[in-house]
N, C-alpha and C. Protein backbone atom coordinates (compact mmCIF):
# COMPACT_ATOMS: atom_id res chain seq x y z
N MET A 1 18.02 -10.89 -4.40
CA MET A 1 16.80 -11.54 -3.95
C MET A 1 15.60 -10.82 -4.56
N PRO A 2 14.87 -11.50 -5.44
CA PRO A 2 13.77 -10.82 -6.12
C PRO A 2 12.52 -10.62 -5.28
N LEU A 3 12.38 -11.29 -4.13
CA LEU A 3 11.19 -11.10 -3.30
C LEU A 3 11.44 -10.02 -2.26
N HIS A 4 10.53 -9.06 -2.22
CA HIS A 4 10.59 -7.98 -1.24
C HIS A 4 9.40 -8.17 -0.31
N VAL A 5 9.64 -8.85 0.81
CA VAL A 5 8.57 -9.20 1.73
C VAL A 5 8.14 -7.95 2.50
N PRO A 6 6.85 -7.62 2.46
CA PRO A 6 6.39 -6.43 3.19
C PRO A 6 6.47 -6.69 4.70
N PRO A 7 6.78 -5.67 5.48
CA PRO A 7 6.82 -5.87 6.93
C PRO A 7 5.41 -6.05 7.50
N ALA A 8 5.29 -7.01 8.38
CA ALA A 8 4.01 -7.22 9.06
C ALA A 8 3.86 -6.16 10.14
N PRO A 9 2.63 -5.82 10.49
CA PRO A 9 2.44 -4.90 11.61
C PRO A 9 3.08 -5.50 12.87
N ALA A 10 3.78 -4.67 13.62
CA ALA A 10 4.48 -5.13 14.82
C ALA A 10 3.54 -5.86 15.80
N PRO A 11 2.30 -5.36 16.02
CA PRO A 11 1.41 -6.09 16.94
C PRO A 11 1.05 -7.50 16.43
N ALA A 12 0.97 -7.67 15.11
CA ALA A 12 0.67 -8.99 14.56
C ALA A 12 1.82 -9.95 14.86
N LEU A 13 3.04 -9.50 14.64
CA LEU A 13 4.20 -10.33 14.93
C LEU A 13 4.28 -10.64 16.43
N ARG A 14 4.07 -9.64 17.26
CA ARG A 14 4.11 -9.86 18.71
C ARG A 14 3.07 -10.89 19.15
N SER A 15 1.89 -10.84 18.56
CA SER A 15 0.84 -11.78 18.96
C SER A 15 1.24 -13.22 18.60
N VAL A 16 1.92 -13.40 17.46
CA VAL A 16 2.37 -14.74 17.08
C VAL A 16 3.50 -15.19 18.00
N LEU A 17 4.44 -14.30 18.29
CA LEU A 17 5.54 -14.65 19.20
C LEU A 17 4.99 -15.02 20.58
N THR A 18 3.99 -14.29 21.05
CA THR A 18 3.38 -14.60 22.34
C THR A 18 2.72 -15.98 22.30
N ALA A 19 2.00 -16.28 21.24
CA ALA A 19 1.34 -17.58 21.11
C ALA A 19 2.37 -18.70 21.04
N LEU A 20 3.47 -18.48 20.31
CA LEU A 20 4.52 -19.50 20.24
C LEU A 20 5.17 -19.73 21.59
N GLY A 21 5.25 -18.68 22.39
CA GLY A 21 5.85 -18.79 23.71
C GLY A 21 4.93 -19.35 24.77
N SER A 22 3.68 -19.56 24.40
CA SER A 22 2.69 -20.07 25.36
C SER A 22 2.51 -21.57 25.18
N PRO A 23 2.95 -22.38 26.14
CA PRO A 23 2.76 -23.82 26.02
C PRO A 23 1.29 -24.20 25.83
N THR A 24 0.39 -23.44 26.44
CA THR A 24 -1.03 -23.73 26.30
C THR A 24 -1.49 -23.53 24.86
N ALA A 25 -1.11 -22.41 24.25
CA ALA A 25 -1.54 -22.13 22.87
C ALA A 25 -0.99 -23.18 21.91
N VAL A 26 0.28 -23.56 22.08
CA VAL A 26 0.88 -24.55 21.19
C VAL A 26 0.27 -25.92 21.45
N HIS A 27 0.06 -26.27 22.71
CA HIS A 27 -0.49 -27.58 23.03
C HIS A 27 -1.92 -27.72 22.52
N GLU A 28 -2.70 -26.65 22.61
CA GLU A 28 -4.10 -26.71 22.17
C GLU A 28 -4.24 -26.61 20.66
N ALA A 29 -3.16 -26.20 19.98
CA ALA A 29 -3.21 -26.11 18.52
C ALA A 29 -3.38 -27.51 17.94
N ARG A 30 -4.19 -27.62 16.93
CA ARG A 30 -4.38 -28.92 16.29
C ARG A 30 -3.35 -29.10 15.19
N THR A 31 -2.11 -28.91 15.55
CA THR A 31 -1.02 -29.06 14.59
C THR A 31 0.03 -30.00 15.18
N PRO A 32 -0.08 -31.28 14.89
CA PRO A 32 0.87 -32.24 15.43
C PRO A 32 2.32 -31.88 15.10
N SER A 33 2.56 -31.34 13.92
CA SER A 33 3.94 -30.99 13.54
C SER A 33 4.50 -29.90 14.45
N LEU A 34 3.68 -28.95 14.82
CA LEU A 34 4.14 -27.88 15.70
C LEU A 34 4.39 -28.42 17.11
N ARG A 35 3.49 -29.27 17.59
CA ARG A 35 3.69 -29.84 18.92
C ARG A 35 4.92 -30.74 18.97
N ALA A 36 5.24 -31.42 17.87
CA ALA A 36 6.37 -32.35 17.84
C ALA A 36 7.68 -31.69 17.41
N ALA A 37 7.65 -30.42 17.09
CA ALA A 37 8.84 -29.74 16.58
C ALA A 37 9.97 -29.78 17.61
N GLN A 38 11.15 -30.09 17.13
CA GLN A 38 12.34 -30.13 17.97
C GLN A 38 13.01 -28.76 17.92
N GLY A 39 13.34 -28.22 19.05
CA GLY A 39 14.02 -26.93 19.10
C GLY A 39 13.05 -25.79 19.00
N PRO A 40 13.59 -24.57 18.96
CA PRO A 40 12.72 -23.39 18.93
C PRO A 40 12.01 -23.23 17.58
N ALA A 41 10.81 -22.73 17.64
CA ALA A 41 10.03 -22.43 16.44
C ALA A 41 9.97 -20.92 16.29
N SER A 42 10.12 -20.45 15.05
CA SER A 42 10.12 -19.01 14.83
C SER A 42 9.23 -18.64 13.65
N PRO A 43 8.53 -17.50 13.76
CA PRO A 43 7.70 -17.04 12.64
C PRO A 43 8.58 -16.38 11.58
N GLU A 44 8.34 -16.74 10.34
CA GLU A 44 9.09 -16.17 9.22
C GLU A 44 8.14 -15.87 8.07
N MET A 45 8.63 -15.16 7.11
CA MET A 45 7.92 -14.87 5.87
C MET A 45 6.49 -14.38 6.10
N PRO A 46 6.34 -13.20 6.72
CA PRO A 46 4.98 -12.68 6.91
C PRO A 46 4.36 -12.30 5.56
N LEU A 47 3.19 -12.84 5.30
CA LEU A 47 2.50 -12.56 4.05
C LEU A 47 1.11 -12.01 4.34
N PRO A 48 0.79 -10.86 3.77
CA PRO A 48 -0.58 -10.36 3.93
C PRO A 48 -1.54 -11.27 3.17
N VAL A 49 -2.65 -11.60 3.79
CA VAL A 49 -3.65 -12.47 3.16
C VAL A 49 -4.81 -11.59 2.71
N HIS A 50 -4.98 -11.52 1.41
CA HIS A 50 -6.08 -10.76 0.82
C HIS A 50 -7.15 -11.75 0.35
N VAL A 51 -8.39 -11.35 0.45
CA VAL A 51 -9.51 -12.18 0.01
C VAL A 51 -10.14 -11.52 -1.21
N LEU A 52 -10.33 -12.32 -2.24
CA LEU A 52 -11.01 -11.85 -3.45
C LEU A 52 -12.50 -12.03 -3.20
N ASP A 53 -13.16 -10.95 -2.84
CA ASP A 53 -14.58 -11.01 -2.50
C ASP A 53 -15.47 -11.17 -3.72
N ARG A 54 -15.09 -10.50 -4.79
CA ARG A 54 -15.91 -10.62 -6.00
C ARG A 54 -15.11 -10.19 -7.21
N ILE A 55 -15.55 -10.68 -8.35
CA ILE A 55 -14.99 -10.29 -9.63
C ILE A 55 -16.14 -9.69 -10.42
N THR A 56 -15.95 -8.47 -10.88
CA THR A 56 -17.03 -7.80 -11.61
C THR A 56 -17.11 -8.35 -13.03
N PRO A 57 -18.22 -8.12 -13.73
CA PRO A 57 -18.32 -8.59 -15.12
C PRO A 57 -17.23 -8.03 -16.02
N THR A 58 -16.65 -6.88 -15.66
CA THR A 58 -15.58 -6.31 -16.49
C THR A 58 -14.21 -6.91 -16.14
N GLY A 59 -14.19 -7.81 -15.15
CA GLY A 59 -12.94 -8.46 -14.78
C GLY A 59 -12.19 -7.77 -13.65
N ALA A 60 -12.72 -6.65 -13.15
CA ALA A 60 -12.07 -5.98 -12.03
C ALA A 60 -12.32 -6.80 -10.77
N SER A 61 -11.40 -6.69 -9.82
CA SER A 61 -11.54 -7.48 -8.61
C SER A 61 -11.69 -6.58 -7.40
N ALA A 62 -12.42 -7.08 -6.42
CA ALA A 62 -12.58 -6.38 -5.16
C ALA A 62 -11.93 -7.25 -4.10
N THR A 63 -10.85 -6.76 -3.52
CA THR A 63 -10.13 -7.53 -2.50
C THR A 63 -10.12 -6.76 -1.19
N ARG A 64 -9.89 -7.52 -0.11
CA ARG A 64 -9.75 -6.90 1.20
C ARG A 64 -8.70 -7.67 1.98
N LEU A 65 -8.01 -6.98 2.87
CA LEU A 65 -7.02 -7.61 3.73
C LEU A 65 -7.75 -8.38 4.81
N ALA A 66 -7.43 -9.69 4.95
CA ALA A 66 -8.09 -10.52 5.95
C ALA A 66 -7.18 -10.80 7.14
N GLY A 67 -5.87 -10.67 6.95
CA GLY A 67 -4.94 -10.96 8.04
C GLY A 67 -3.52 -11.08 7.53
N TRP A 68 -2.66 -11.55 8.40
CA TRP A 68 -1.26 -11.82 8.06
C TRP A 68 -0.98 -13.26 8.42
N ARG A 69 -0.27 -13.97 7.53
CA ARG A 69 0.10 -15.36 7.77
C ARG A 69 1.63 -15.44 7.87
N PHE A 70 2.08 -16.16 8.88
CA PHE A 70 3.51 -16.38 9.10
C PHE A 70 3.78 -17.87 8.97
N LEU A 71 4.82 -18.24 8.23
CA LEU A 71 5.26 -19.62 8.24
C LEU A 71 6.02 -19.83 9.54
N ILE A 72 5.77 -20.94 10.22
CA ILE A 72 6.46 -21.25 11.47
C ILE A 72 7.54 -22.28 11.15
N ARG A 73 8.77 -21.86 11.33
CA ARG A 73 9.91 -22.70 10.99
C ARG A 73 10.50 -23.30 12.26
N ALA A 74 10.76 -24.59 12.18
CA ALA A 74 11.48 -25.31 13.23
C ALA A 74 12.56 -26.11 12.52
N GLY A 75 13.79 -25.86 12.87
CA GLY A 75 14.88 -26.51 12.15
C GLY A 75 14.97 -25.92 10.76
N ASN A 76 15.04 -26.78 9.75
CA ASN A 76 15.23 -26.29 8.38
C ASN A 76 13.96 -26.30 7.54
N ARG A 77 12.78 -26.42 8.18
CA ARG A 77 11.55 -26.45 7.37
C ARG A 77 10.39 -25.79 8.11
N ALA A 78 9.40 -25.39 7.33
CA ALA A 78 8.18 -24.85 7.91
C ALA A 78 7.33 -26.02 8.39
N VAL A 79 6.90 -25.97 9.63
CA VAL A 79 6.11 -27.07 10.20
C VAL A 79 4.64 -26.68 10.37
N ALA A 80 4.35 -25.40 10.31
CA ALA A 80 2.98 -24.93 10.50
C ALA A 80 2.91 -23.49 10.01
N ALA A 81 1.76 -22.89 10.19
CA ALA A 81 1.58 -21.47 9.90
C ALA A 81 0.76 -20.88 11.04
N ALA A 82 0.93 -19.58 11.21
CA ALA A 82 0.15 -18.84 12.21
C ALA A 82 -0.56 -17.71 11.48
N GLU A 83 -1.81 -17.49 11.84
CA GLU A 83 -2.56 -16.39 11.25
C GLU A 83 -2.94 -15.39 12.32
N THR A 84 -2.96 -14.14 11.91
CA THR A 84 -3.43 -13.06 12.76
C THR A 84 -4.61 -12.41 12.07
N MET A 85 -5.41 -11.73 12.87
CA MET A 85 -6.58 -11.04 12.30
C MET A 85 -6.70 -9.68 12.98
N LEU A 86 -7.34 -8.78 12.27
CA LEU A 86 -7.56 -7.45 12.80
C LEU A 86 -8.84 -7.45 13.62
N THR A 87 -8.73 -7.03 14.86
CA THR A 87 -9.88 -6.94 15.76
C THR A 87 -10.11 -5.47 16.10
N PRO A 88 -11.18 -5.13 16.78
CA PRO A 88 -11.37 -3.73 17.19
C PRO A 88 -10.23 -3.21 18.07
N ASP A 89 -9.52 -4.13 18.73
CA ASP A 89 -8.40 -3.72 19.59
C ASP A 89 -7.06 -3.79 18.87
N GLY A 90 -7.05 -4.10 17.59
CA GLY A 90 -5.80 -4.19 16.84
C GLY A 90 -5.53 -5.62 16.39
N TRP A 91 -4.30 -5.88 15.97
CA TRP A 91 -3.94 -7.20 15.46
C TRP A 91 -3.84 -8.20 16.59
N ALA A 92 -4.42 -9.39 16.36
CA ALA A 92 -4.42 -10.44 17.38
C ALA A 92 -4.14 -11.79 16.73
N PHE A 93 -3.52 -12.67 17.49
CA PHE A 93 -3.29 -14.04 17.04
C PHE A 93 -4.64 -14.71 16.80
N SER A 94 -4.74 -15.46 15.70
CA SER A 94 -5.98 -16.15 15.37
C SER A 94 -5.84 -17.66 15.59
N ARG A 95 -4.86 -18.28 14.89
CA ARG A 95 -4.74 -19.73 15.00
C ARG A 95 -3.43 -20.22 14.40
N PHE A 96 -3.03 -21.41 14.83
CA PHE A 96 -1.97 -22.19 14.18
C PHE A 96 -2.66 -23.22 13.30
N PHE A 97 -2.05 -23.58 12.19
CA PHE A 97 -2.59 -24.66 11.37
C PHE A 97 -1.48 -25.26 10.54
N GLU A 98 -1.76 -26.42 9.98
CA GLU A 98 -0.84 -27.07 9.05
C GLU A 98 -1.68 -27.68 7.95
N GLY A 99 -1.05 -28.28 7.00
CA GLY A 99 -1.76 -28.88 5.88
C GLY A 99 -0.99 -28.66 4.60
N PRO A 100 -1.60 -29.00 3.47
CA PRO A 100 -0.88 -28.95 2.19
C PRO A 100 -0.45 -27.55 1.77
N TYR A 101 -1.14 -26.51 2.24
CA TYR A 101 -0.77 -25.16 1.81
C TYR A 101 0.56 -24.70 2.39
N ILE A 102 1.04 -25.33 3.47
CA ILE A 102 2.33 -24.93 4.04
C ILE A 102 3.45 -25.27 3.05
N ALA A 103 3.50 -26.53 2.63
CA ALA A 103 4.53 -26.95 1.67
C ALA A 103 4.33 -26.26 0.32
N ALA A 104 3.07 -26.09 -0.07
CA ALA A 104 2.79 -25.44 -1.36
C ALA A 104 3.25 -23.98 -1.34
N THR A 105 3.07 -23.30 -0.21
CA THR A 105 3.53 -21.92 -0.09
C THR A 105 5.05 -21.86 -0.18
N GLU A 106 5.72 -22.77 0.52
CA GLU A 106 7.19 -22.80 0.46
C GLU A 106 7.68 -23.04 -0.96
N LEU A 107 7.05 -23.97 -1.66
CA LEU A 107 7.45 -24.28 -3.03
C LEU A 107 7.24 -23.07 -3.94
N ALA A 108 6.07 -22.43 -3.82
CA ALA A 108 5.78 -21.26 -4.66
C ALA A 108 6.73 -20.11 -4.37
N LEU A 109 7.09 -19.92 -3.10
CA LEU A 109 8.05 -18.86 -2.75
C LEU A 109 9.43 -19.17 -3.33
N ALA A 110 9.83 -20.44 -3.29
CA ALA A 110 11.12 -20.83 -3.88
C ALA A 110 11.11 -20.59 -5.39
N GLN A 111 9.99 -20.91 -6.04
CA GLN A 111 9.87 -20.64 -7.48
C GLN A 111 9.98 -19.14 -7.75
N ALA A 112 9.34 -18.34 -6.93
CA ALA A 112 9.35 -16.89 -7.12
C ALA A 112 10.76 -16.33 -6.90
N GLU A 113 11.48 -16.89 -5.94
CA GLU A 113 12.87 -16.45 -5.69
C GLU A 113 13.75 -16.67 -6.92
N ALA A 114 13.43 -17.68 -7.72
CA ALA A 114 14.23 -18.00 -8.89
C ALA A 114 13.92 -17.10 -10.09
N MET A 115 12.86 -16.31 -10.00
CA MET A 115 12.49 -15.41 -11.11
C MET A 115 13.45 -14.23 -11.15
N LYS A 116 13.59 -13.66 -12.31
CA LYS A 116 14.49 -12.52 -12.47
C LYS A 116 13.87 -11.20 -12.03
N GLN A 117 12.56 -11.07 -12.20
CA GLN A 117 11.89 -9.81 -11.85
C GLN A 117 11.59 -9.78 -10.36
N PRO A 118 11.78 -8.63 -9.70
CA PRO A 118 11.43 -8.54 -8.28
C PRO A 118 9.91 -8.43 -8.08
N TYR A 119 9.45 -9.06 -7.01
CA TYR A 119 8.03 -9.02 -6.68
C TYR A 119 7.86 -8.86 -5.17
N GLN A 120 6.67 -8.41 -4.79
CA GLN A 120 6.27 -8.38 -3.39
C GLN A 120 5.29 -9.54 -3.20
N PRO A 121 5.63 -10.55 -2.37
CA PRO A 121 4.73 -11.69 -2.21
C PRO A 121 3.58 -11.39 -1.26
N ARG A 122 2.42 -11.88 -1.64
CA ARG A 122 1.20 -11.78 -0.85
C ARG A 122 0.43 -13.08 -1.07
N LEU A 123 -0.59 -13.30 -0.31
CA LEU A 123 -1.49 -14.43 -0.57
C LEU A 123 -2.84 -13.87 -0.99
N LEU A 124 -3.46 -14.52 -1.94
CA LEU A 124 -4.79 -14.13 -2.40
C LEU A 124 -5.70 -15.36 -2.31
N SER A 125 -6.72 -15.25 -1.49
CA SER A 125 -7.68 -16.33 -1.30
C SER A 125 -8.91 -16.07 -2.16
N VAL A 126 -9.39 -17.13 -2.81
CA VAL A 126 -10.62 -17.06 -3.60
C VAL A 126 -11.59 -18.05 -2.95
N PRO A 127 -12.32 -17.62 -1.92
CA PRO A 127 -13.16 -18.55 -1.15
C PRO A 127 -14.18 -19.31 -1.98
N GLU A 128 -14.75 -18.66 -3.00
CA GLU A 128 -15.79 -19.32 -3.79
C GLU A 128 -15.25 -20.54 -4.53
N LEU A 129 -13.94 -20.59 -4.75
CA LEU A 129 -13.34 -21.74 -5.45
C LEU A 129 -12.48 -22.59 -4.53
N TYR A 130 -12.48 -22.28 -3.23
CA TYR A 130 -11.60 -22.96 -2.29
C TYR A 130 -10.17 -22.94 -2.82
N MET A 131 -9.72 -21.75 -3.19
CA MET A 131 -8.44 -21.59 -3.88
C MET A 131 -7.58 -20.57 -3.15
N LEU A 132 -6.29 -20.89 -3.05
CA LEU A 132 -5.31 -19.97 -2.47
C LEU A 132 -4.18 -19.81 -3.47
N THR A 133 -3.78 -18.56 -3.70
CA THR A 133 -2.69 -18.31 -4.64
C THR A 133 -1.62 -17.46 -3.97
N LEU A 134 -0.38 -17.64 -4.43
CA LEU A 134 0.67 -16.70 -4.09
C LEU A 134 0.53 -15.57 -5.10
N TRP A 135 0.31 -14.38 -4.61
CA TRP A 135 0.12 -13.19 -5.44
C TRP A 135 1.45 -12.46 -5.47
N LEU A 136 2.06 -12.38 -6.63
CA LEU A 136 3.34 -11.69 -6.80
C LEU A 136 3.05 -10.31 -7.38
N HIS A 137 3.09 -9.32 -6.50
CA HIS A 137 2.75 -7.94 -6.86
C HIS A 137 3.99 -7.25 -7.42
N GLY A 138 3.83 -6.57 -8.54
CA GLY A 138 4.96 -5.95 -9.23
C GLY A 138 5.51 -4.71 -8.57
N ASP A 139 4.72 -4.03 -7.74
CA ASP A 139 5.18 -2.82 -7.06
C ASP A 139 5.75 -3.21 -5.70
N CYS A 140 7.06 -3.39 -5.65
CA CYS A 140 7.73 -3.86 -4.41
C CYS A 140 7.68 -2.85 -3.28
N ALA A 141 7.45 -1.58 -3.59
CA ALA A 141 7.42 -0.55 -2.55
C ALA A 141 6.01 -0.31 -2.01
N ALA A 142 5.02 -1.00 -2.56
CA ALA A 142 3.63 -0.79 -2.14
C ALA A 142 3.41 -1.28 -0.72
N ASP A 143 2.39 -0.73 -0.09
CA ASP A 143 1.95 -1.20 1.22
C ASP A 143 1.30 -2.57 1.01
N GLY A 144 1.85 -3.60 1.62
CA GLY A 144 1.34 -4.96 1.43
C GLY A 144 -0.08 -5.16 1.90
N ALA A 145 -0.58 -4.25 2.72
CA ALA A 145 -1.92 -4.38 3.26
C ALA A 145 -2.98 -3.77 2.36
N THR A 146 -2.58 -3.12 1.29
CA THR A 146 -3.55 -2.45 0.43
C THR A 146 -3.35 -2.85 -1.03
N GLY A 147 -4.28 -2.44 -1.85
CA GLY A 147 -4.14 -2.63 -3.29
C GLY A 147 -4.95 -3.79 -3.83
N HIS A 148 -4.96 -3.86 -5.13
CA HIS A 148 -5.68 -4.88 -5.87
C HIS A 148 -4.72 -5.50 -6.88
N PRO A 149 -4.97 -6.72 -7.32
CA PRO A 149 -4.10 -7.33 -8.31
C PRO A 149 -4.07 -6.51 -9.60
N ALA A 150 -2.88 -6.15 -10.03
CA ALA A 150 -2.71 -5.45 -11.31
C ALA A 150 -2.68 -6.48 -12.43
N ALA A 151 -3.04 -6.07 -13.62
CA ALA A 151 -3.10 -7.00 -14.75
C ALA A 151 -1.78 -7.72 -14.99
N THR A 152 -0.66 -7.05 -14.68
CA THR A 152 0.66 -7.65 -14.93
C THR A 152 1.21 -8.42 -13.73
N ASP A 153 0.52 -8.38 -12.58
CA ASP A 153 0.95 -9.18 -11.44
C ASP A 153 0.81 -10.66 -11.79
N LEU A 154 1.50 -11.49 -11.03
CA LEU A 154 1.40 -12.94 -11.22
C LEU A 154 0.63 -13.57 -10.08
N LEU A 155 -0.16 -14.58 -10.42
CA LEU A 155 -0.84 -15.41 -9.44
C LEU A 155 -0.35 -16.84 -9.63
N VAL A 156 0.10 -17.46 -8.54
CA VAL A 156 0.58 -18.83 -8.58
C VAL A 156 -0.37 -19.67 -7.73
N PRO A 157 -1.29 -20.42 -8.35
CA PRO A 157 -2.22 -21.25 -7.58
C PRO A 157 -1.45 -22.27 -6.74
N LEU A 158 -1.81 -22.38 -5.47
CA LEU A 158 -1.16 -23.33 -4.59
C LEU A 158 -1.91 -24.66 -4.64
N ALA A 159 -1.17 -25.74 -4.44
CA ALA A 159 -1.78 -27.07 -4.43
C ALA A 159 -2.39 -27.33 -3.05
N PRO A 160 -3.57 -27.87 -3.01
CA PRO A 160 -4.39 -28.33 -4.12
C PRO A 160 -5.16 -27.17 -4.77
N ALA A 161 -5.09 -27.13 -6.08
CA ALA A 161 -5.80 -26.11 -6.85
C ALA A 161 -7.11 -26.69 -7.36
N PRO A 162 -8.07 -25.84 -7.70
CA PRO A 162 -9.34 -26.35 -8.25
C PRO A 162 -9.10 -27.13 -9.54
N PRO A 163 -9.98 -28.07 -9.85
CA PRO A 163 -9.84 -28.83 -11.10
C PRO A 163 -9.72 -27.89 -12.31
N GLY A 164 -8.80 -28.22 -13.21
CA GLY A 164 -8.62 -27.44 -14.42
C GLY A 164 -7.69 -26.25 -14.28
N ILE A 165 -7.20 -25.99 -13.07
CA ILE A 165 -6.25 -24.90 -12.85
C ILE A 165 -4.96 -25.53 -12.35
N ALA A 166 -3.89 -25.35 -13.10
CA ALA A 166 -2.61 -25.98 -12.76
C ALA A 166 -1.98 -25.30 -11.54
N ALA A 167 -1.66 -26.11 -10.55
CA ALA A 167 -0.97 -25.59 -9.36
C ALA A 167 0.48 -25.29 -9.70
N HIS A 168 1.00 -24.28 -9.07
CA HIS A 168 2.41 -23.86 -9.16
C HIS A 168 2.81 -23.39 -10.56
N ARG A 169 1.84 -23.05 -11.38
CA ARG A 169 2.13 -22.45 -12.68
C ARG A 169 1.77 -20.97 -12.59
N PRO A 170 2.77 -20.07 -12.75
CA PRO A 170 2.46 -18.64 -12.67
C PRO A 170 1.56 -18.20 -13.83
N HIS A 171 0.56 -17.40 -13.50
CA HIS A 171 -0.36 -16.84 -14.49
C HIS A 171 -0.40 -15.33 -14.29
N ARG A 172 -0.39 -14.57 -15.35
CA ARG A 172 -0.65 -13.15 -15.23
C ARG A 172 -2.10 -12.98 -14.78
N VAL A 173 -2.34 -11.97 -13.96
CA VAL A 173 -3.70 -11.71 -13.48
C VAL A 173 -4.64 -11.55 -14.66
N ALA A 174 -4.19 -10.86 -15.71
CA ALA A 174 -5.03 -10.63 -16.89
C ALA A 174 -5.43 -11.93 -17.57
N GLU A 175 -4.64 -13.00 -17.39
CA GLU A 175 -4.97 -14.30 -17.99
C GLU A 175 -5.84 -15.14 -17.07
N LEU A 176 -5.54 -15.14 -15.77
CA LEU A 176 -6.25 -16.02 -14.85
C LEU A 176 -7.58 -15.44 -14.39
N LEU A 177 -7.68 -14.13 -14.27
CA LEU A 177 -8.92 -13.54 -13.77
C LEU A 177 -10.13 -13.88 -14.62
N PRO A 178 -10.04 -13.88 -15.97
CA PRO A 178 -11.21 -14.29 -16.76
C PRO A 178 -11.63 -15.73 -16.49
N VAL A 179 -10.66 -16.62 -16.25
CA VAL A 179 -10.97 -18.01 -15.94
C VAL A 179 -11.71 -18.08 -14.61
N LEU A 180 -11.21 -17.34 -13.62
CA LEU A 180 -11.87 -17.32 -12.31
C LEU A 180 -13.26 -16.71 -12.41
N THR A 181 -13.40 -15.68 -13.26
CA THR A 181 -14.70 -15.03 -13.45
C THR A 181 -15.72 -16.04 -13.96
N LEU A 182 -15.32 -16.86 -14.93
CA LEU A 182 -16.23 -17.87 -15.46
C LEU A 182 -16.60 -18.89 -14.40
N ARG A 183 -15.64 -19.22 -13.55
CA ARG A 183 -15.89 -20.24 -12.52
C ARG A 183 -16.83 -19.74 -11.44
N VAL A 184 -16.76 -18.46 -11.07
CA VAL A 184 -17.58 -17.98 -9.96
C VAL A 184 -18.88 -17.34 -10.41
N THR A 185 -19.06 -17.13 -11.71
CA THR A 185 -20.29 -16.54 -12.22
C THR A 185 -21.35 -17.63 -12.32
N PRO A 186 -22.49 -17.44 -11.68
CA PRO A 186 -23.53 -18.48 -11.77
C PRO A 186 -24.04 -18.62 -13.19
N ALA A 187 -24.34 -19.85 -13.56
CA ALA A 187 -24.88 -20.11 -14.89
C ALA A 187 -26.28 -19.53 -14.98
N PRO A 188 -26.65 -19.01 -16.14
CA PRO A 188 -28.01 -18.47 -16.28
C PRO A 188 -29.03 -19.61 -16.15
N LEU A 189 -30.13 -19.27 -15.53
CA LEU A 189 -31.20 -20.25 -15.36
C LEU A 189 -31.94 -20.43 -16.69
N LEU A 190 -32.15 -21.66 -17.02
CA LEU A 190 -32.89 -21.95 -18.24
C LEU A 190 -34.39 -21.99 -17.88
N GLY A 191 -35.20 -21.78 -18.89
CA GLY A 191 -36.65 -21.83 -18.66
C GLY A 191 -37.07 -23.22 -18.19
N SER A 192 -38.16 -23.29 -17.50
CA SER A 192 -38.64 -24.59 -17.01
C SER A 192 -39.17 -25.41 -18.17
N PRO A 193 -39.07 -26.71 -18.04
CA PRO A 193 -39.59 -27.56 -19.14
C PRO A 193 -41.11 -27.41 -19.29
N ALA A 194 -41.56 -27.53 -20.50
CA ALA A 194 -42.99 -27.37 -20.77
C ALA A 194 -43.76 -28.61 -20.51
């Protein structure tokens, strides 16, 4: 198995298990698939969610850990996801959600499983582009909560991807980061007309 999933913090997992066990939390979730799920639902595939806050002119990236995302499986498929966030009191359940990124994450993880090289899966969000990628980190022993994308790591844009960026096509960070840099860099202001 080429994917080495980093362990989620125990309090983050406990908070998701508690929310799943709470009829109120599940009922109030705006996830019809989770409410309609037959049988027990379980959190799987914990992925640290990193946010790309900025890309410097030299192409270096500044990322931060925003939380942990768990796919919620009922039966043989993921029906929703649960997110946790770090609070002053520690890891806490944030929300359940569903949408296109659930299936896209499953597809990207299946693609990564088929690769020959081992990777540590993470998620990398690029808020300025409304973009989410599966970040395949080459150092499988690294702490999933820390670090920055290495030039040789892979980024797999999840569908829906921004226009002009192919979803589910793995890109080396060194190849995709310059494209993202151009997209998030504001265009220079031209002089006013005379």
